[in-house]
N, C-alpha and C. Protein backbone atom coordinates (compact mmCIF):
# COMPACT_ATOMS: atom_id res chain seq x y z
N MET A 1 -1.61 18.40 10.24
CA MET A 1 -0.28 17.39 10.51
C MET A 1 -0.24 17.37 8.65
N GLU A 2 -1.13 18.45 8.03
CA GLU A 2 -0.95 18.80 6.41
C GLU A 2 0.13 18.94 6.12
N ASP A 3 1.32 20.28 6.88
CA ASP A 3 1.99 20.30 6.36
C ASP A 3 3.15 19.63 6.60
N ILE A 4 3.20 18.68 7.68
CA ILE A 4 4.00 17.21 7.76
C ILE A 4 4.77 16.90 6.39
N VAL A 5 5.93 17.20 6.61
CA VAL A 5 6.75 15.81 4.91
C VAL A 5 6.97 14.44 5.66
N ILE A 6 6.91 13.40 5.51
CA ILE A 6 7.06 12.11 5.62
C ILE A 6 8.05 11.53 4.79
N ASN A 7 9.64 10.75 4.95
CA ASN A 7 9.38 10.46 4.25
C ASN A 7 9.83 8.85 4.11
N VAL A 8 9.24 8.89 2.72
CA VAL A 8 9.50 6.83 2.32
C VAL A 8 10.06 6.16 1.63
N THR A 9 11.09 5.12 2.61
CA THR A 9 11.38 4.17 1.28
C THR A 9 10.85 2.83 0.73
N CYS A 10 11.29 3.57 -0.40
CA CYS A 10 10.73 2.09 -0.89
C CYS A 10 11.38 0.57 -0.38
N PRO A 11 10.27 -0.11 -0.42
CA PRO A 11 10.92 -1.37 0.29
C PRO A 11 11.56 -3.04 -0.99
N LYS A 12 11.15 -2.28 -1.66
CA LYS A 12 11.80 -2.75 -3.31
C LYS A 12 13.22 -2.33 -4.08
N CYS A 13 13.77 -0.89 -4.14
CA CYS A 13 14.46 -0.10 -4.31
C CYS A 13 15.83 0.91 -2.91
N ALA A 14 15.09 0.66 -2.22
CA ALA A 14 14.84 1.39 -0.62
C ALA A 14 15.64 2.82 -1.81
N ASN A 15 14.64 3.61 -2.33
CA ASN A 15 14.64 4.59 -2.67
C ASN A 15 13.83 5.48 -1.69
N GLU A 16 14.84 7.00 -1.07
CA GLU A 16 13.83 7.18 -0.07
C GLU A 16 13.05 8.43 -0.94
N PHE A 17 11.93 8.79 -0.70
CA PHE A 17 10.98 10.32 -1.50
C PHE A 17 9.88 10.86 -0.33
N ASP A 18 9.89 12.02 -0.65
CA ASP A 18 9.21 12.18 0.49
C ASP A 18 7.28 13.23 0.24
N LYS A 19 6.33 12.12 1.21
CA LYS A 19 6.04 12.61 0.75
C LYS A 19 4.24 13.74 2.58
N LYS A 20 3.07 14.28 1.77
CA LYS A 20 3.32 14.77 2.63
C LYS A 20 2.35 13.43 3.93
N ALA A 21 2.03 14.08 4.82
CA ALA A 21 1.23 13.06 6.00
C ALA A 21 0.11 13.39 5.06
N LYS A 22 -0.79 13.76 4.53
CA LYS A 22 -1.64 14.25 4.36
C LYS A 22 -2.14 12.53 3.46
N GLU A 23 -1.27 13.38 2.69
CA GLU A 23 -1.12 12.07 1.23
C GLU A 23 -1.21 10.41 1.22
N LEU A 24 -1.45 9.81 2.78
CA LEU A 24 -0.38 8.76 3.82
C LEU A 24 -2.27 8.57 4.20
N LYS A 25 -3.23 8.59 4.41
CA LYS A 25 -4.33 7.71 5.43
C LYS A 25 -3.90 6.14 4.70
N ASP A 26 -4.83 5.09 5.55
CA ASP A 26 -5.22 3.78 6.23
C ASP A 26 -5.50 3.55 4.44
N GLY A 27 -4.53 2.84 3.76
CA GLY A 27 -5.18 1.94 2.47
C GLY A 27 -5.03 2.84 0.54
N THR A 28 -4.54 3.71 1.28
CA THR A 28 -3.38 4.53 0.45
C THR A 28 -2.40 3.67 -0.71
N ILE A 29 -2.48 4.03 -1.52
CA ILE A 29 -1.23 3.31 -2.74
C ILE A 29 -0.45 4.21 -3.17
N VAL A 30 1.17 4.09 -2.31
CA VAL A 30 2.07 5.14 -2.95
C VAL A 30 2.93 3.85 -3.53
N SER A 31 3.13 4.75 -5.27
CA SER A 31 4.19 4.77 -6.21
C SER A 31 5.72 5.23 -6.05
N CYS A 32 6.56 4.23 -5.79
CA CYS A 32 7.75 4.64 -6.08
C CYS A 32 8.05 5.88 -7.13
N PRO A 33 9.39 6.68 -7.21
CA PRO A 33 9.10 7.41 -8.38
C PRO A 33 10.06 6.64 -8.60
N LYS A 34 11.66 6.15 -8.84
CA LYS A 34 12.38 5.57 -9.00
C LYS A 34 12.17 4.04 -9.60
N CYS A 35 11.67 2.97 -9.27
CA CYS A 35 11.18 1.54 -9.58
C CYS A 35 9.67 1.45 -9.69
N GLY A 36 8.59 2.57 -9.51
CA GLY A 36 7.31 2.14 -9.93
C GLY A 36 6.97 1.18 -9.12
N ASP A 37 7.38 0.91 -7.99
CA ASP A 37 6.57 -0.53 -6.41
C ASP A 37 6.32 0.44 -6.10
N LYS A 38 4.60 -0.58 -5.43
CA LYS A 38 3.78 0.05 -4.77
C LYS A 38 3.07 -0.02 -3.55
N THR A 39 2.85 0.34 -2.69
CA THR A 39 2.98 -0.10 -1.44
C THR A 39 1.81 0.43 -1.03
N THR A 40 0.96 -0.01 -0.52
CA THR A 40 -0.19 0.26 0.09
C THR A 40 0.38 0.21 1.63
N ILE A 41 -0.47 1.73 2.09
CA ILE A 41 -0.43 1.97 3.58
C ILE A 41 -1.87 1.69 4.50
N LYS A 42 -1.23 0.53 5.04
CA LYS A 42 -2.82 0.41 5.81
C LYS A 42 -2.54 -0.42 7.07
N GLY A 43 -3.39 -0.54 7.88
CA GLY A 43 -3.90 -1.04 9.08
C GLY A 43 -2.14 -0.62 9.93
N ASN A 44 -1.27 -1.46 10.92
CA ASN A 44 -0.30 -0.28 11.35
C ASN A 44 0.47 0.66 10.98
N MET A 45 1.02 -0.07 9.68
CA MET A 45 1.68 1.39 8.94
C MET A 45 1.39 2.35 10.38
N PHE A 46 -0.21 2.74 9.36
CA PHE A 46 -0.29 4.50 9.48
C PHE A 46 -0.86 4.51 10.61
N THR A 47 -1.44 3.94 11.46
CA THR A 47 -1.28 3.36 12.97
C THR A 47 0.18 3.44 13.78
N ASP A 48 1.19 3.57 13.02
CA ASP A 48 2.27 3.47 13.80
C ASP A 48 2.83 5.06 13.50
N MET A 49 2.70 5.54 12.48
CA MET A 49 3.03 6.74 11.58
C MET A 49 2.23 7.64 12.53
N GLN A 50 0.72 7.65 12.62
CA GLN A 50 0.40 8.54 13.38
C GLN A 50 1.13 8.82 14.64
N LYS A 51 1.18 7.41 15.46
CA LYS A 51 1.53 7.59 17.12
C LYS A 51 3.35 8.39 17.15
N ASN A 52 4.13 8.00 16.26
CA ASN A 52 5.24 8.56 15.52
C ASN A 52 4.65 10.82 15.16
N LEU A 53 3.59 11.30 14.86
CA LEU A 53 3.51 12.57 14.20
C LEU A 53 2.86 13.13 16.14
N ASP A 54 1.93 12.61 16.53
CA ASP A 54 1.34 12.84 17.59
C ASP A 54 2.66 12.91 18.22
N ARG A 55 3.14 11.52 18.63
CA ARG A 55 4.28 12.40 19.65
C ARG A 55 5.42 13.67 20.09
N SER A 56 5.62 14.04 17.97
CA SER A 56 6.83 15.21 18.35
C SER A 56 6.09 16.57 17.90
N SER A 57 4.63 16.32 18.51
CA SER A 57 4.37 18.21 18.50
C SER A 57 4.12 18.45 19.61
């Protein structure tokens, strides 16, 4: 999982940026490199992401 790159879309400015899957654990705060808005990866966001990764493997 550590080599998988996830495309993240900022909910505020819609900027897209990449993060490594291993950096996106439940509770992780992700900052948009464009506008600086912070989003917390939590609960079902992480669970849904993990399910999609498992399906693609």
